Amino acid sequence: MVHGTYSLPDDGKTWIGGGYGTIYSSNAAEMTCAVSAPSCGGAVRTVQNIYVRDSTYYAYAFHDFTQEILAVLTMNFIRTTYADGAYAEDHRVQVSFFYRF
Protein backbone atom coordinates (compact mmCIF):
# COMPACT_ATOMS: atom_id res chain seq x y z
CA MET A 1 0.00 0.00 0.00
CA VAL A 2 1.20 3.49 -0.88
CA HIS A 3 -0.42 6.64 0.46
CA GLY A 4 0.38 10.34 0.39
CA THR A 5 -1.13 13.48 1.88
CA TYR A 6 -0.32 17.10 1.12
CA SER A 7 -1.53 20.16 3.04
CA LEU A 8 -1.99 23.18 0.82
CA PRO A 9 -0.38 26.45 1.98
CA ASP A 10 -3.67 28.02 3.11
CA ASP A 11 -3.17 27.88 6.89
CA GLY A 12 -4.04 24.17 6.97
CA LYS A 13 -7.59 24.60 5.71
CA THR A 14 -7.20 22.29 2.71
CA TRP A 15 -5.44 18.99 2.32
CA ILE A 16 -5.44 16.41 -0.45
CA GLY A 17 -4.24 12.86 -0.70
CA GLY A 18 -4.46 9.58 -2.48
CA GLY A 19 -3.10 6.13 -2.65
CA TYR A 20 -3.03 2.62 -4.00
CA GLY A 21 -3.31 -0.73 -2.28
CA THR A 22 -3.47 -4.32 -3.47
CA ILE A 23 -3.67 -7.81 -2.08
CA TYR A 24 -2.64 -10.83 -4.15
CA SER A 25 -2.53 -14.61 -3.71
CA SER A 26 -0.60 -16.88 -6.06
CA ASN A 27 -2.25 -20.09 -4.80
CA ALA A 28 -5.84 -19.14 -3.94
CA ALA A 29 -7.13 -20.84 -7.11
CA GLU A 30 -5.91 -24.18 -5.72
CA MET A 31 -8.19 -23.91 -2.69
CA THR A 32 -11.41 -25.05 -4.33
CA CYS A 33 -14.15 -27.29 -2.92
CA ALA A 34 -16.71 -28.33 -5.51
CA VAL A 35 -19.04 -29.70 -2.83
CA SER A 36 -20.02 -28.41 0.58
CA ALA A 37 -17.47 -30.35 2.62
CA PRO A 38 -16.60 -29.98 6.31
CA SER A 39 -12.98 -29.34 5.35
CA CYS A 40 -14.17 -26.28 3.41
CA GLY A 41 -16.12 -24.88 6.31
CA GLY A 42 -19.37 -25.96 4.69
CA ALA A 43 -18.83 -23.63 1.69
CA VAL A 44 -18.61 -24.35 -2.02
CA ARG A 45 -15.54 -22.64 -3.50
CA THR A 46 -14.86 -22.59 -7.22
CA VAL A 47 -12.52 -20.57 -9.45
CA GLN A 48 -15.56 -18.38 -10.25
CA ASN A 49 -15.92 -17.17 -6.64
CA ILE A 50 -12.33 -17.20 -5.32
CA TYR A 51 -10.54 -13.93 -5.88
CA VAL A 52 -6.79 -13.75 -6.42
CA ARG A 53 -6.27 -9.98 -6.46
CA ASP A 54 -8.07 -7.00 -5.01
CA SER A 55 -6.76 -3.52 -5.84
CA THR A 56 -7.92 -0.03 -4.96
CA TYR A 57 -6.99 3.50 -6.04
CA TYR A 58 -8.35 6.43 -4.07
CA ALA A 59 -8.11 10.21 -3.80
CA TYR A 60 -9.62 12.76 -1.46
CA ALA A 61 -9.76 16.46 -0.70
CA PHE A 62 -10.69 18.00 2.66
CA HIS A 63 -11.50 21.67 3.15
CA ASP A 64 -12.39 23.65 6.27
CA PHE A 65 -14.81 26.38 5.19
CA THR A 66 -15.15 27.66 8.73
CA GLN A 67 -14.02 26.39 12.11
CA GLU A 68 -17.30 24.44 12.33
CA ILE A 69 -17.91 23.33 8.70
CA LEU A 70 -15.73 20.76 6.90
CA ALA A 71 -16.36 19.26 3.45
CA VAL A 72 -14.77 16.15 1.96
CA LEU A 73 -14.73 14.83 -1.62
CA THR A 74 -13.56 11.23 -2.01
CA MET A 75 -13.16 9.05 -5.08
CA ASN A 76 -12.40 5.33 -5.06
CA PHE A 77 -11.83 2.68 -7.73
CA ILE A 78 -11.77 -1.01 -6.76
CA ARG A 79 -11.05 -4.00 -9.00
CA THR A 80 -11.41 -7.60 -7.83
CA THR A 81 -9.91 -10.29 -10.08
CA TYR A 82 -11.17 -13.85 -9.72
CA ALA A 83 -9.25 -17.10 -10.24
CA ASP A 84 -10.99 -17.75 -13.58
CA GLY A 85 -9.76 -14.39 -14.97
CA ALA A 86 -13.07 -12.54 -14.61
CA TYR A 87 -13.11 -9.27 -12.72
CA ALA A 88 -15.54 -6.89 -11.06
CA GLU A 89 -15.11 -3.14 -10.66
CA ASP A 90 -16.59 -0.56 -8.33
CA HIS A 91 -16.35 3.21 -8.85
CA ARG A 92 -17.38 5.50 -6.01
CA VAL A 93 -17.62 9.24 -5.51
CA GLN A 94 -18.77 10.70 -2.21
CA VAL A 95 -19.23 14.20 -0.89
CA SER A 96 -19.56 14.65 2.87
CA PHE A 97 -20.20 17.69 5.03
CA PHE A 98 -19.44 17.84 8.73
CA TYR A 99 -20.58 20.30 11.35
CA ARG A 100 -18.34 20.45 14.41
CA PHE A 101 -19.75 21.83 17.63
PDB file of N, CA and C in Angstrom:
ATOM      1  N   MET A   1       0.844  -1.166   0.000  1.00  0.00           N
ATOM      2  CA  MET A   1       0.000   0.000   0.000  1.00  0.00           C
ATOM      3  C   MET A   1       0.893   1.233   0.000  1.00  0.00           C
ATOM      4  N   VAL A   2       0.491   2.219  -0.792  1.00  0.00           N
ATOM      5  CA  VAL A   2       1.200   3.487  -0.880  1.00  0.00           C
ATOM      6  C   VAL A   2       0.163   4.585  -0.667  1.00  0.00           C
ATOM      7  N   HIS A   3       0.509   5.561   0.159  1.00  0.00           N
ATOM      8  CA  HIS A   3      -0.424   6.640   0.461  1.00  0.00           C
ATOM      9  C   HIS A   3       0.360   7.935   0.643  1.00  0.00           C
ATOM     10  N   GLY A   4      -0.247   9.036   0.199  1.00  0.00           N
ATOM     11  CA  GLY A   4       0.383  10.336   0.387  1.00  0.00           C
ATOM     12  C   GLY A   4      -0.655  11.391   0.705  1.00  0.00           C
ATOM     13  N   THR A   5      -0.263  12.362   1.515  1.00  0.00           N
ATOM     14  CA  THR A   5      -1.130  13.480   1.877  1.00  0.00           C
ATOM     15  C   THR A   5      -0.321  14.765   1.765  1.00  0.00           C
ATOM     16  N   TYR A   6      -0.972  15.808   1.261  1.00  0.00           N
ATOM     17  CA  TYR A   6      -0.321  17.104   1.117  1.00  0.00           C
ATOM     18  C   TYR A   6      -1.257  18.182   1.644  1.00  0.00           C
ATOM     19  N   SER A   7      -0.762  19.016   2.537  1.00  0.00           N
ATOM     20  CA  SER A   7      -1.532  20.157   3.041  1.00  0.00           C
ATOM     21  C   SER A   7      -1.192  21.378   2.208  1.00  0.00           C
ATOM     22  N   LEU A   8      -2.203  21.996   1.638  1.00  0.00           N
ATOM     23  CA  LEU A   8      -1.986  23.184   0.820  1.00  0.00           C
ATOM     24  C   LEU A   8      -1.590  24.360   1.711  1.00  0.00           C
ATOM     25  N   PRO A   9      -0.854  25.321   1.169  1.00  0.00           N
ATOM     26  CA  PRO A   9      -0.382  26.454   1.984  1.00  0.00           C
ATOM     27  C   PRO A   9      -1.476  27.505   2.211  1.00  0.00           C
ATOM     28  N   ASP A  10      -2.586  27.087   2.805  1.00  0.00           N
ATOM     29  CA  ASP A  10      -3.675  28.023   3.113  1.00  0.00           C
ATOM     30  C   ASP A  10      -4.039  27.933   4.595  1.00  0.00           C
ATOM     31  N   ASP A  11      -3.009  27.966   5.444  1.00  0.00           N
ATOM     32  CA  ASP A  11      -3.172  27.879   6.895  1.00  0.00           C
ATOM     33  C   ASP A  11      -3.793  26.555   7.337  1.00  0.00           C
ATOM     34  N   GLY A  12      -3.552  25.494   6.589  1.00  0.00           N
ATOM     35  CA  GLY A  12      -4.038  24.171   6.971  1.00  0.00           C
ATOM     36  C   GLY A  12      -5.518  23.935   6.766  1.00  0.00           C
ATOM     37  N   LYS A  13      -6.160  24.764   5.931  1.00  0.00           N
ATOM     38  CA  LYS A  13      -7.592  24.602   5.706  1.00  0.00           C
ATOM     39  C   LYS A  13      -7.918  23.573   4.635  1.00  0.00           C
ATOM     40  N   THR A  14      -6.960  23.229   3.789  1.00  0.00           N
ATOM     41  CA  THR A  14      -7.200  22.285   2.706  1.00  0.00           C
ATOM     42  C   THR A  14      -6.080  21.267   2.667  1.00  0.00           C
ATOM     43  N   TRP A  15      -6.449  20.019   2.540  1.00  0.00           N
ATOM     44  CA  TRP A  15      -5.441  18.985   2.320  1.00  0.00           C
ATOM     45  C   TRP A  15      -5.988  17.944   1.369  1.00  0.00           C
ATOM     46  N   ILE A  16      -5.082  17.384   0.573  1.00  0.00           N
ATOM     47  CA  ILE A  16      -5.443  16.407  -0.450  1.00  0.00           C
ATOM     48  C   ILE A  16      -4.572  15.167  -0.251  1.00  0.00           C
ATOM     49  N   GLY A  17      -5.024  14.084  -0.819  1.00  0.00           N
ATOM     50  CA  GLY A  17      -4.240  12.861  -0.701  1.00  0.00           C
ATOM     51  C   GLY A  17      -4.770  11.785  -1.633  1.00  0.00           C
ATOM     52  N   GLY A  18      -4.058  10.703  -1.652  1.00  0.00           N
ATOM     53  CA  GLY A  18      -4.460   9.585  -2.481  1.00  0.00           C
ATOM     54  C   GLY A  18      -3.565   8.403  -2.223  1.00  0.00           C
ATOM     55  N   GLY A  19      -3.917   7.308  -2.856  1.00  0.00           N
ATOM     56  CA  GLY A  19      -3.099   6.134  -2.649  1.00  0.00           C
ATOM     57  C   GLY A  19      -3.530   4.954  -3.494  1.00  0.00           C
ATOM     58  N   TYR A  20      -2.805   3.880  -3.294  1.00  0.00           N
ATOM     59  CA  TYR A  20      -3.029   2.622  -4.003  1.00  0.00           C
ATOM     60  C   TYR A  20      -2.739   1.483  -3.035  1.00  0.00           C
ATOM     61  N   GLY A  21      -3.549   0.463  -3.096  1.00  0.00           N
ATOM     62  CA  GLY A  21      -3.309  -0.729  -2.284  1.00  0.00           C
ATOM     63  C   GLY A  21      -3.751  -1.957  -3.054  1.00  0.00           C
ATOM     64  N   THR A  22      -3.089  -3.077  -2.805  1.00  0.00           N
ATOM     65  CA  THR A  22      -3.474  -4.325  -3.467  1.00  0.00           C
ATOM     66  C   THR A  22      -3.169  -5.499  -2.559  1.00  0.00           C
ATOM     67  N   ILE A  23      -3.920  -6.548  -2.746  1.00  0.00           N
ATOM     68  CA  ILE A  23      -3.668  -7.814  -2.079  1.00  0.00           C
ATOM     69  C   ILE A  23      -3.700  -8.883  -3.170  1.00  0.00           C
ATOM     70  N   TYR A  24      -2.780  -9.838  -3.088  1.00  0.00           N
ATOM     71  CA  TYR A  24      -2.637 -10.831  -4.148  1.00  0.00           C
ATOM     72  C   TYR A  24      -2.314 -12.189  -3.537  1.00  0.00           C
ATOM     73  N   SER A  25      -2.860 -13.248  -4.113  1.00  0.00           N
ATOM     74  CA  SER A  25      -2.531 -14.608  -3.708  1.00  0.00           C
ATOM     75  C   SER A  25      -2.182 -15.417  -4.950  1.00  0.00           C
ATOM     76  N   SER A  26      -1.024 -16.068  -4.914  1.00  0.00           N
ATOM     77  CA  SER A  26      -0.605 -16.879  -6.057  1.00  0.00           C
ATOM     78  C   SER A  26      -1.177 -18.292  -6.016  1.00  0.00           C
ATOM     79  N   ASN A  27      -1.738 -18.722  -4.877  1.00  0.00           N
ATOM     80  CA  ASN A  27      -2.250 -20.089  -4.795  1.00  0.00           C
ATOM     81  C   ASN A  27      -3.712 -20.183  -4.379  1.00  0.00           C
ATOM     82  N   ALA A  28      -4.436 -19.104  -4.357  1.00  0.00           N
ATOM     83  CA  ALA A  28      -5.843 -19.138  -3.942  1.00  0.00           C
ATOM     84  C   ALA A  28      -6.683 -20.003  -4.871  1.00  0.00           C
ATOM     85  N   ALA A  29      -6.355 -20.047  -6.153  1.00  0.00           N
ATOM     86  CA  ALA A  29      -7.130 -20.841  -7.111  1.00  0.00           C
ATOM     87  C   ALA A  29      -7.052 -22.335  -6.809  1.00  0.00           C
ATOM     88  N   GLU A  30      -6.058 -22.760  -6.069  1.00  0.00           N
ATOM     89  CA  GLU A  30      -5.911 -24.177  -5.722  1.00  0.00           C
ATOM     90  C   GLU A  30      -6.800 -24.576  -4.552  1.00  0.00           C
ATOM     91  N   MET A  31      -7.411 -23.627  -3.890  1.00  0.00           N
ATOM     92  CA  MET A  31      -8.193 -23.913  -2.693  1.00  0.00           C
ATOM     93  C   MET A  31      -9.676 -24.005  -3.011  1.00  0.00           C
ATOM     94  N   THR A  32     -10.020 -24.884  -3.920  1.00  0.00           N
ATOM     95  CA  THR A  32     -11.408 -25.052  -4.325  1.00  0.00           C
ATOM     96  C   THR A  32     -12.035 -26.236  -3.606  1.00  0.00           C
ATOM     97  N   CYS A  33     -13.341 -26.201  -3.453  1.00  0.00           N
ATOM     98  CA  CYS A  33     -14.155 -27.294  -2.925  1.00  0.00           C
ATOM     99  C   CYS A  33     -15.427 -27.306  -3.752  1.00  0.00           C
ATOM    100  N   ALA A  34     -15.561 -28.281  -4.621  1.00  0.00           N
ATOM    101  CA  ALA A  34     -16.714 -28.330  -5.514  1.00  0.00           C
ATOM    102  C   ALA A  34     -17.990 -28.722  -4.787  1.00  0.00           C
ATOM    103  N   VAL A  35     -17.859 -29.326  -3.615  1.00  0.00           N
ATOM    104  CA  VAL A  35     -19.039 -29.699  -2.828  1.00  0.00           C
ATOM    105  C   VAL A  35     -18.918 -29.070  -1.457  1.00  0.00           C
ATOM    106  N   SER A  36     -20.022 -28.983  -0.765  1.00  0.00           N
ATOM    107  CA  SER A  36     -20.018 -28.414   0.577  1.00  0.00           C
ATOM    108  C   SER A  36     -19.447 -29.449   1.548  1.00  0.00           C
ATOM    109  N   ALA A  37     -18.155 -29.380   1.773  1.00  0.00           N
ATOM    110  CA  ALA A  37     -17.471 -30.353   2.617  1.00  0.00           C
ATOM    111  C   ALA A  37     -17.083 -29.716   3.946  1.00  0.00           C
ATOM    112  N   PRO A  38     -17.022 -30.527   5.016  1.00  0.00           N
ATOM    113  CA  PRO A  38     -16.602 -29.976   6.309  1.00  0.00           C
ATOM    114  C   PRO A  38     -15.208 -29.350   6.260  1.00  0.00           C
ATOM    115  N   SER A  39     -14.325 -29.898   5.444  1.00  0.00           N
ATOM    116  CA  SER A  39     -12.976 -29.338   5.349  1.00  0.00           C
ATOM    117  C   SER A  39     -12.967 -27.956   4.703  1.00  0.00           C
ATOM    118  N   CYS A  40     -14.051 -27.605   4.034  1.00  0.00           N
ATOM    119  CA  CYS A  40     -14.172 -26.285   3.407  1.00  0.00           C
ATOM    120  C   CYS A  40     -15.008 -25.334   4.257  1.00  0.00           C
ATOM    121  N   GLY A  41     -15.295 -25.719   5.462  1.00  0.00           N
ATOM    122  CA  GLY A  41     -16.119 -24.878   6.313  1.00  0.00           C
ATOM    123  C   GLY A  41     -17.570 -24.848   5.886  1.00  0.00           C
ATOM    124  N   GLY A  42     -17.992 -25.876   5.154  1.00  0.00           N
ATOM    125  CA  GLY A  42     -19.373 -25.957   4.688  1.00  0.00           C
ATOM    126  C   GLY A  42     -19.658 -25.094   3.475  1.00  0.00           C
ATOM    127  N   ALA A  43     -18.634 -24.520   2.843  1.00  0.00           N
ATOM    128  CA  ALA A  43     -18.830 -23.627   1.693  1.00  0.00           C
ATOM    129  C   ALA A  43     -18.420 -24.327   0.396  1.00  0.00           C
ATOM    130  N   VAL A  44     -19.014 -23.898  -0.683  1.00  0.00           N
ATOM    131  CA  VAL A  44     -18.606 -24.346  -2.020  1.00  0.00           C
ATOM    132  C   VAL A  44     -17.711 -23.253  -2.589  1.00  0.00           C
ATOM    133  N   ARG A  45     -16.478 -23.615  -2.946  1.00  0.00           N
ATOM    134  CA  ARG A  45     -15.541 -22.642  -3.501  1.00  0.00           C
ATOM    135  C   ARG A  45     -15.075 -23.131  -4.860  1.00  0.00           C
ATOM    136  N   THR A  46     -15.284 -22.289  -5.862  1.00  0.00           N
ATOM    137  CA  THR A  46     -14.855 -22.595  -7.223  1.00  0.00           C
ATOM    138  C   THR A  46     -13.982 -21.451  -7.727  1.00  0.00           C
ATOM    139  N   VAL A  47     -13.353 -21.644  -8.892  1.00  0.00           N
ATOM    140  CA  VAL A  47     -12.519 -20.569  -9.448  1.00  0.00           C
ATOM    141  C   VAL A  47     -13.360 -19.356  -9.854  1.00  0.00           C
ATOM    142  N   GLN A  48     -14.686 -19.525  -9.938  1.00  0.00           N
ATOM    143  CA  GLN A  48     -15.556 -18.385 -10.255  1.00  0.00           C
ATOM    144  C   GLN A  48     -15.822 -17.507  -9.040  1.00  0.00           C
ATOM    145  N   ASN A  49     -15.639 -18.009  -7.806  1.00  0.00           N
ATOM    146  CA  ASN A  49     -15.924 -17.167  -6.640  1.00  0.00           C
ATOM    147  C   ASN A  49     -14.735 -17.015  -5.687  1.00  0.00           C
ATOM    148  N   ILE A  50     -13.555 -17.451  -6.091  1.00  0.00           N
ATOM    149  CA  ILE A  50     -12.334 -17.200  -5.321  1.00  0.00           C
ATOM    150  C   ILE A  50     -11.590 -16.058  -6.001  1.00  0.00           C
ATOM    151  N   TYR A  51     -11.287 -15.020  -5.260  1.00  0.00           N
ATOM    152  CA  TYR A  51     -10.540 -13.927  -5.880  1.00  0.00           C
ATOM    153  C   TYR A  51      -9.058 -14.048  -5.564  1.00  0.00           C
ATOM    154  N   VAL A  52      -8.244 -13.646  -6.552  1.00  0.00           N
ATOM    155  CA  VAL A  52      -6.788 -13.755  -6.423  1.00  0.00           C
ATOM    156  C   VAL A  52      -6.121 -12.391  -6.260  1.00  0.00           C
ATOM    157  N   ARG A  53      -6.828 -11.328  -6.615  1.00  0.00           N
ATOM    158  CA  ARG A  53      -6.268  -9.984  -6.456  1.00  0.00           C
ATOM    159  C   ARG A  53      -7.408  -9.009  -6.187  1.00  0.00           C
ATOM    160  N   ASP A  54      -7.142  -8.078  -5.281  1.00  0.00           N
ATOM    161  CA  ASP A  54      -8.072  -7.002  -5.006  1.00  0.00           C
ATOM    162  C   ASP A  54      -7.242  -5.723  -4.922  1.00  0.00           C
ATOM    163  N   SER A  55      -7.543  -4.758  -5.783  1.00  0.00           N
ATOM    164  CA  SER A  55      -6.764  -3.520  -5.844  1.00  0.00           C
ATOM    165  C   SER A  55      -7.681  -2.318  -5.700  1.00  0.00           C
ATOM    166  N   THR A  56      -7.154  -1.256  -5.103  1.00  0.00           N
ATOM    167  CA  THR A  56      -7.921  -0.029  -4.958  1.00  0.00           C
ATOM    168  C   THR A  56      -7.028   1.186  -5.203  1.00  0.00           C
ATOM    169  N   TYR A  57      -7.599   2.183  -5.859  1.00  0.00           N
ATOM    170  CA  TYR A  57      -6.986   3.502  -6.036  1.00  0.00           C
ATOM    171  C   TYR A  57      -7.949   4.490  -5.413  1.00  0.00           C
ATOM    172  N   TYR A  58      -7.444   5.474  -4.696  1.00  0.00           N
ATOM    173  CA  TYR A  58      -8.346   6.430  -4.072  1.00  0.00           C
ATOM    174  C   TYR A  58      -7.694   7.807  -4.005  1.00  0.00           C
ATOM    175  N   ALA A  59      -8.565   8.818  -3.934  1.00  0.00           N
ATOM    176  CA  ALA A  59      -8.112  10.205  -3.797  1.00  0.00           C
ATOM    177  C   ALA A  59      -9.153  10.951  -2.966  1.00  0.00           C
ATOM    178  N   TYR A  60      -8.692  11.981  -2.274  1.00  0.00           N
ATOM    179  CA  TYR A  60      -9.618  12.762  -1.458  1.00  0.00           C
ATOM    180  C   TYR A  60      -9.122  14.194  -1.323  1.00  0.00           C
ATOM    181  N   ALA A  61     -10.072  15.063  -0.985  1.00  0.00           N
ATOM    182  CA  ALA A  61      -9.765  16.462  -0.701  1.00  0.00           C
ATOM    183  C   ALA A  61     -10.633  16.907   0.469  1.00  0.00           C
ATOM    184  N   PHE A  62     -10.008  17.459   1.489  1.00  0.00           N
ATOM    185  CA  PHE A  62     -10.690  18.002   2.660  1.00  0.00           C
ATOM    186  C   PHE A  62     -10.552  19.521   2.617  1.00  0.00           C
ATOM    187  N   HIS A  63     -11.592  20.216   3.060  1.00  0.00           N
ATOM    188  CA  HIS A  63     -11.505  21.669   3.152  1.00  0.00           C
ATOM    189  C   HIS A  63     -12.323  22.164   4.332  1.00  0.00           C
ATOM    190  N   ASP A  64     -11.699  22.983   5.159  1.00  0.00           N
ATOM    191  CA  ASP A  64     -12.387  23.651   6.267  1.00  0.00           C
ATOM    192  C   ASP A  64     -12.906  24.991   5.756  1.00  0.00           C
ATOM    193  N   PHE A  65     -14.222  25.111   5.612  1.00  0.00           N
ATOM    194  CA  PHE A  65     -14.807  26.377   5.188  1.00  0.00           C
ATOM    195  C   PHE A  65     -14.835  27.367   6.339  1.00  0.00           C
ATOM    196  N   THR A  66     -15.194  26.868   7.501  1.00  0.00           N
ATOM    197  CA  THR A  66     -15.151  27.656   8.731  1.00  0.00           C
ATOM    198  C   THR A  66     -14.596  26.736   9.815  1.00  0.00           C
ATOM    199  N   GLN A  67     -14.498  27.233  11.018  1.00  0.00           N
ATOM    200  CA  GLN A  67     -14.021  26.390  12.113  1.00  0.00           C
ATOM    201  C   GLN A  67     -15.004  25.250  12.388  1.00  0.00           C
ATOM    202  N   GLU A  68     -16.276  25.450  12.056  1.00  0.00           N
ATOM    203  CA  GLU A  68     -17.298  24.441  12.329  1.00  0.00           C
ATOM    204  C   GLU A  68     -17.630  23.562  11.129  1.00  0.00           C
ATOM    205  N   ILE A  69     -17.448  24.045   9.892  1.00  0.00           N
ATOM    206  CA  ILE A  69     -17.908  23.325   8.698  1.00  0.00           C
ATOM    207  C   ILE A  69     -16.730  22.778   7.896  1.00  0.00           C
ATOM    208  N   LEU A  70     -16.757  21.473   7.664  1.00  0.00           N
ATOM    209  CA  LEU A  70     -15.728  20.761   6.902  1.00  0.00           C
ATOM    210  C   LEU A  70     -16.411  19.995   5.782  1.00  0.00           C
ATOM    211  N   ALA A  71     -15.841  20.025   4.581  1.00  0.00           N
ATOM    212  CA  ALA A  71     -16.359  19.258   3.450  1.00  0.00           C
ATOM    213  C   ALA A  71     -15.265  18.329   2.941  1.00  0.00           C
ATOM    214  N   VAL A  72     -15.701  17.156   2.459  1.00  0.00           N
ATOM    215  CA  VAL A  72     -14.769  16.147   1.958  1.00  0.00           C
ATOM    216  C   VAL A  72     -15.303  15.597   0.645  1.00  0.00           C
ATOM    217  N   LEU A  73     -14.423  15.502  -0.352  1.00  0.00           N
ATOM    218  CA  LEU A  73     -14.728  14.833  -1.617  1.00  0.00           C
ATOM    219  C   LEU A  73     -13.801  13.636  -1.716  1.00  0.00           C
ATOM    220  N   THR A  74     -14.369  12.439  -1.873  1.00  0.00           N
ATOM    221  CA  THR A  74     -13.555  11.228  -2.006  1.00  0.00           C
ATOM    222  C   THR A  74     -13.947  10.489  -3.269  1.00  0.00           C
ATOM    223  N   MET A  75     -12.950   9.882  -3.898  1.00  0.00           N
ATOM    224  CA  MET A  75     -13.157   9.051  -5.078  1.00  0.00           C
ATOM    225  C   MET A  75     -12.396   7.751  -4.862  1.00  0.00           C
ATOM    226  N   ASN A  76     -13.012   6.628  -5.270  1.00  0.00           N
ATOM    227  CA  ASN A  76     -12.404   5.329  -5.056  1.00  0.00           C
ATOM    228  C   ASN A  76     -12.696   4.413  -6.239  1.00  0.00           C
ATOM    229  N   PHE A  77     -11.696   3.676  -6.679  1.00  0.00           N
ATOM    230  CA  PHE A  77     -11.833   2.682  -7.732  1.00  0.00           C
ATOM    231  C   PHE A  77     -11.324   1.357  -7.180  1.00  0.00           C
ATOM    232  N   ILE A  78     -12.144   0.312  -7.260  1.00  0.00           N
ATOM    233  CA  ILE A  78     -11.768  -1.009  -6.760  1.00  0.00           C
ATOM    234  C   ILE A  78     -11.935  -2.026  -7.884  1.00  0.00           C
ATOM    235  N   ARG A  79     -10.954  -2.893  -8.035  1.00  0.00           N
ATOM    236  CA  ARG A  79     -11.047  -3.997  -9.005  1.00  0.00           C
ATOM    237  C   ARG A  79     -10.701  -5.299  -8.294  1.00  0.00           C
ATOM    238  N   THR A  80     -11.612  -6.266  -8.383  1.00  0.00           N
ATOM    239  CA  THR A  80     -11.410  -7.600  -7.830  1.00  0.00           C
ATOM    240  C   THR A  80     -11.268  -8.569  -8.995  1.00  0.00           C
ATOM    241  N   THR A  81     -10.161  -9.314  -9.023  1.00  0.00           N
ATOM    242  CA  THR A  81      -9.907 -10.291 -10.079  1.00  0.00           C
ATOM    243  C   THR A  81     -10.075 -11.685  -9.497  1.00  0.00           C
ATOM    244  N   TYR A  82     -10.881 -12.504 -10.178  1.00  0.00           N
ATOM    245  CA  TYR A  82     -11.174 -13.851  -9.715  1.00  0.00           C
ATOM    246  C   TYR A  82     -10.227 -14.861 -10.357  1.00  0.00           C
ATOM    247  N   ALA A  83     -10.190 -16.062  -9.793  1.00  0.00           N
ATOM    248  CA  ALA A  83      -9.254 -17.098 -10.236  1.00  0.00           C
ATOM    249  C   ALA A  83      -9.495 -17.535 -11.676  1.00  0.00           C
ATOM    250  N   ASP A  84     -10.715 -17.373 -12.186  1.00  0.00           N
ATOM    251  CA  ASP A  84     -10.985 -17.753 -13.576  1.00  0.00           C
ATOM    252  C   ASP A  84     -10.671 -16.634 -14.570  1.00  0.00           C
ATOM    253  N   GLY A  85     -10.130 -15.509 -14.097  1.00  0.00           N
ATOM    254  CA  GLY A  85      -9.760 -14.394 -14.967  1.00  0.00           C
ATOM    255  C   GLY A  85     -10.812 -13.305 -15.062  1.00  0.00           C
ATOM    256  N   ALA A  86     -12.022 -13.565 -14.601  1.00  0.00           N
ATOM    257  CA  ALA A  86     -13.070 -12.539 -14.614  1.00  0.00           C
ATOM    258  C   ALA A  86     -12.756 -11.492 -13.548  1.00  0.00           C
ATOM    259  N   TYR A  87     -13.330 -10.305 -13.713  1.00  0.00           N
ATOM    260  CA  TYR A  87     -13.109  -9.266 -12.715  1.00  0.00           C
ATOM    261  C   TYR A  87     -14.372  -8.441 -12.523  1.00  0.00           C
ATOM    262  N   ALA A  88     -14.444  -7.801 -11.392  1.00  0.00           N
ATOM    263  CA  ALA A  88     -15.542  -6.894 -11.064  1.00  0.00           C
ATOM    264  C   ALA A  88     -14.927  -5.567 -10.652  1.00  0.00           C
ATOM    265  N   GLU A  89     -15.610  -4.468 -10.986  1.00  0.00           N
ATOM    266  CA  GLU A  89     -15.111  -3.138 -10.662  1.00  0.00           C
ATOM    267  C   GLU A  89     -16.171  -2.347  -9.908  1.00  0.00           C
ATOM    268  N   ASP A  90     -15.710  -1.460  -9.067  1.00  0.00           N
ATOM    269  CA  ASP A  90     -16.589  -0.564  -8.327  1.00  0.00           C
ATOM    270  C   ASP A  90     -15.980   0.829  -8.385  1.00  0.00           C
ATOM    271  N   HIS A  91     -16.783   1.809  -8.789  1.00  0.00           N
ATOM    272  CA  HIS A  91     -16.354   3.208  -8.854  1.00  0.00           C
ATOM    273  C   HIS A  91     -17.233   3.990  -7.884  1.00  0.00           C
ATOM    274  N   ARG A  92     -16.613   4.751  -7.004  1.00  0.00           N
ATOM    275  CA  ARG A  92     -17.377   5.502  -6.011  1.00  0.00           C
ATOM    276  C   ARG A  92     -16.916   6.957  -5.964  1.00  0.00           C
ATOM    277  N   VAL A  93     -17.886   7.831  -5.774  1.00  0.00           N
ATOM    278  CA  VAL A  93     -17.624   9.240  -5.511  1.00  0.00           C
ATOM    279  C   VAL A  93     -18.530   9.620  -4.354  1.00  0.00           C
ATOM    280  N   GLN A  94     -17.982  10.317  -3.382  1.00  0.00           N
ATOM    281  CA  GLN A  94     -18.769  10.699  -2.209  1.00  0.00           C
ATOM    282  C   GLN A  94     -18.401  12.112  -1.788  1.00  0.00           C
ATOM    283  N   VAL A  95     -19.419  12.868  -1.454  1.00  0.00           N
ATOM    284  CA  VAL A  95     -19.230  14.203  -0.888  1.00  0.00           C
ATOM    285  C   VAL A  95     -19.851  14.178   0.507  1.00  0.00           C
ATOM    286  N   SER A  96     -19.087  14.634   1.489  1.00  0.00           N
ATOM    287  CA  SER A  96     -19.564  14.651   2.871  1.00  0.00           C
ATOM    288  C   SER A  96     -19.372  16.047   3.455  1.00  0.00           C
ATOM    289  N   PHE A  97     -20.302  16.436   4.295  1.00  0.00           N
ATOM    290  CA  PHE A  97     -20.204  17.690   5.032  1.00  0.00           C
ATOM    291  C   PHE A  97     -20.293  17.378   6.510  1.00  0.00           C
ATOM    292  N   PHE A  98     -19.463  18.051   7.291  1.00  0.00           N
ATOM    293  CA  PHE A  98     -19.438  17.844   8.729  1.00  0.00           C
ATOM    294  C   PHE A  98     -19.629  19.167   9.441  1.00  0.00           C
ATOM    295  N   TYR A  99     -20.409  19.131  10.486  1.00  0.00           N
ATOM    296  CA  TYR A  99     -20.581  20.296  11.348  1.00  0.00           C
ATOM    297  C   TYR A  99     -20.011  19.947  12.714  1.00  0.00           C
ATOM    298  N   ARG A 100     -18.987  20.687  13.122  1.00  0.00           N
ATOM    299  CA  ARG A 100     -18.341  20.448  14.406  1.00  0.00           C
ATOM    300  C   ARG A 100     -18.873  21.446  15.425  1.00  0.00           C
ATOM    301  N   PHE A 101     -19.255  20.944  16.583  1.00  0.00           N
ATOM    302  CA  PHE A 101     -19.752  21.831  17.631  1.00  0.00           C
ATOM    303  C   PHE A 101     -19.133  21.494  18.954  1.00  0.00           C
TER     304      PHE A 101
END
